[in-house]
Protein backbone atom coordinates (compact mmCIF):
# COMPACT_ATOMS: atom_id res chain seq x y z
CA UNK A 1 75.57 31.83 32.77
CA UNK A 2 73.81 33.41 30.07
CA UNK A 3 73.19 29.84 28.39
CA UNK A 4 71.47 28.58 31.73
CA UNK A 5 69.17 31.74 31.88
CA UNK A 6 68.16 31.13 28.44
CA UNK A 7 67.81 27.06 28.72
CA UNK A 8 65.74 28.15 31.88
CA UNK A 9 63.18 30.55 29.73
CA UNK A 10 63.14 27.89 27.12
CA UNK A 11 62.43 25.37 29.48
CA UNK A 12 59.61 27.42 31.28
CA UNK A 13 58.16 28.33 27.99
CA UNK A 14 58.23 25.09 26.80
CA UNK A 15 56.36 23.83 30.22
CA UNK A 16 53.72 26.89 29.79
CA UNK A 17 53.05 25.50 26.27
CA UNK A 18 52.67 22.05 27.48
CA UNK A 19 50.27 23.05 30.71
CA UNK A 20 48.08 25.22 28.17
CA UNK A 21 48.10 22.45 25.61
CA UNK A 22 46.99 19.79 28.05
CA UNK A 23 44.58 22.25 29.40
CA UNK A 24 43.22 22.94 26.03
CA UNK A 25 43.26 19.38 25.34
CA UNK A 26 41.47 18.81 28.21
CA UNK A 27 38.88 21.72 27.58
CA UNK A 28 37.96 20.60 23.63
CA UNK A 29 37.18 16.91 25.61
CA UNK A 30 34.91 18.27 27.70
CA UNK A 31 33.50 20.55 24.96
CA UNK A 32 32.77 17.41 22.77
CA UNK A 33 31.32 15.72 25.59
CA UNK A 34 28.90 18.73 26.75
CA UNK A 35 28.01 18.93 23.02
CA UNK A 36 27.51 15.43 22.97
CA UNK A 37 24.97 15.66 25.71
CA UNK A 38 23.50 18.38 24.10
CA UNK A 39 22.84 16.32 21.53
CA UNK A 40 21.54 13.48 23.24
CA UNK A 41 19.37 15.71 25.42
CA UNK A 42 17.73 16.67 22.56
CA UNK A 43 17.29 13.53 20.82
CA UNK A 44 15.95 12.28 24.26
CA UNK A 45 13.30 15.40 24.50
CA UNK A 46 12.44 14.78 20.40
CA UNK A 47 11.64 11.17 21.76
CA UNK A 48 9.59 12.23 24.78
CA UNK A 49 7.77 14.56 22.44
CA UNK A 50 6.69 11.70 20.16
CA UNK A 51 5.87 9.44 22.61
CA UNK A 52 3.55 12.19 24.38
CA UNK A 53 2.01 12.71 20.93
CA UNK A 54 1.60 9.02 20.75
CA UNK A 55 0.18 8.67 24.42
CA UNK A 56 -2.55 11.67 23.64
CA UNK A 57 -3.64 9.60 20.58
CA UNK A 58 -3.83 6.48 22.15
CA UNK A 59 -5.89 7.88 25.32
CA UNK A 60 -8.28 9.71 22.51
CA UNK A 61 -8.47 6.28 21.14
CA UNK A 62 -9.43 4.62 24.45
CA UNK A 63 -11.89 7.21 25.35
CA UNK A 64 -13.46 6.76 22.09
CA UNK A 65 -13.47 3.02 22.36
CA UNK A 66 -14.90 3.09 25.76
CA UNK A 67 -18.02 5.38 24.59
CA UNK A 68 -18.37 3.00 21.84
CA UNK A 69 -18.54 0.31 24.31
CA UNK A 70 -21.17 2.06 26.62
CA UNK A 71 -23.52 2.57 23.07
CA UNK A 72 -23.10 -0.71 22.47
CA UNK A 73 -24.37 -1.85 25.63
CA UNK A 74 -27.13 0.72 25.89
CA UNK A 75 -28.39 -0.64 22.32
CA UNK A 76 -28.08 -4.26 23.50
CA UNK A 77 -29.90 -3.27 26.50
CA UNK A 78 -32.73 -1.66 24.33
CA UNK A 79 -32.47 -4.71 22.24
CA UNK A 80 -33.00 -6.92 24.94
CA UNK A 81 -36.10 -4.68 25.88
CA UNK A 82 -37.67 -4.91 22.95
CA UNK A 83 -37.11 -8.46 22.64
CA UNK A 84 -38.81 -8.83 25.80
CA UNK A 85 -41.57 -6.44 24.98
CA UNK A 86 -42.06 -8.51 21.70
CA UNK A 87 -42.22 -12.16 23.36
CA UNK A 88 -44.89 -10.51 25.72
CA UNK A 89 -46.98 -9.57 22.69
CA UNK A 90 -46.16 -12.64 21.10
CA UNK A 91 -47.37 -15.08 24.33
CA UNK A 92 -50.63 -12.55 24.21
CA UNK A 93 -51.24 -13.41 20.65
CA UNK A 94 -50.74 -16.81 21.31
CA UNK A 95 -53.06 -16.91 24.30
CA UNK A 96 -55.62 -14.90 22.44
CA UNK A 97 -55.30 -17.37 19.38
CA UNK A 98 -55.71 -20.41 21.78
CA UNK A 99 -59.08 -18.35 23.21
CA UNK A 100 -60.41 -17.76 19.26
CA UNK A 101 -59.67 -21.72 18.51
CA UNK A 102 -61.63 -22.64 22.00
CA UNK A 103 -64.37 -20.36 20.64
CA UNK A 104 -64.69 -21.67 17.16
CA UNK A 105 -64.65 -25.31 18.55
CA UNK A 106 -67.55 -24.32 20.65
CA UNK A 107 -69.14 -22.86 17.86
CA UNK A 108 -68.65 -25.84 15.89
CA UNK A 109 -69.90 -28.32 18.01
């Protein structure tokens, strides 16, 4: 009887160790998975921050480019207006020159 009870105790002890071992193994795996997920999360946050910084930089560059385009368009309009004024003055000078030539021709006759 004694040996049966001893065997039973030993068997329960071994079963408990086995159950604890499996649970601890599972817990270790879960901890590794959790740590791996934390690492991945941290990496993704770093990448997200980098992308946000790049986005801000690109948004600023876009805004600057748009301002430059607006300025160029304004300058182009101003240049066009100056060209129109120049052409008008040139036409006036041509007309005046023609008038003067006609007057000179009249005097010479």
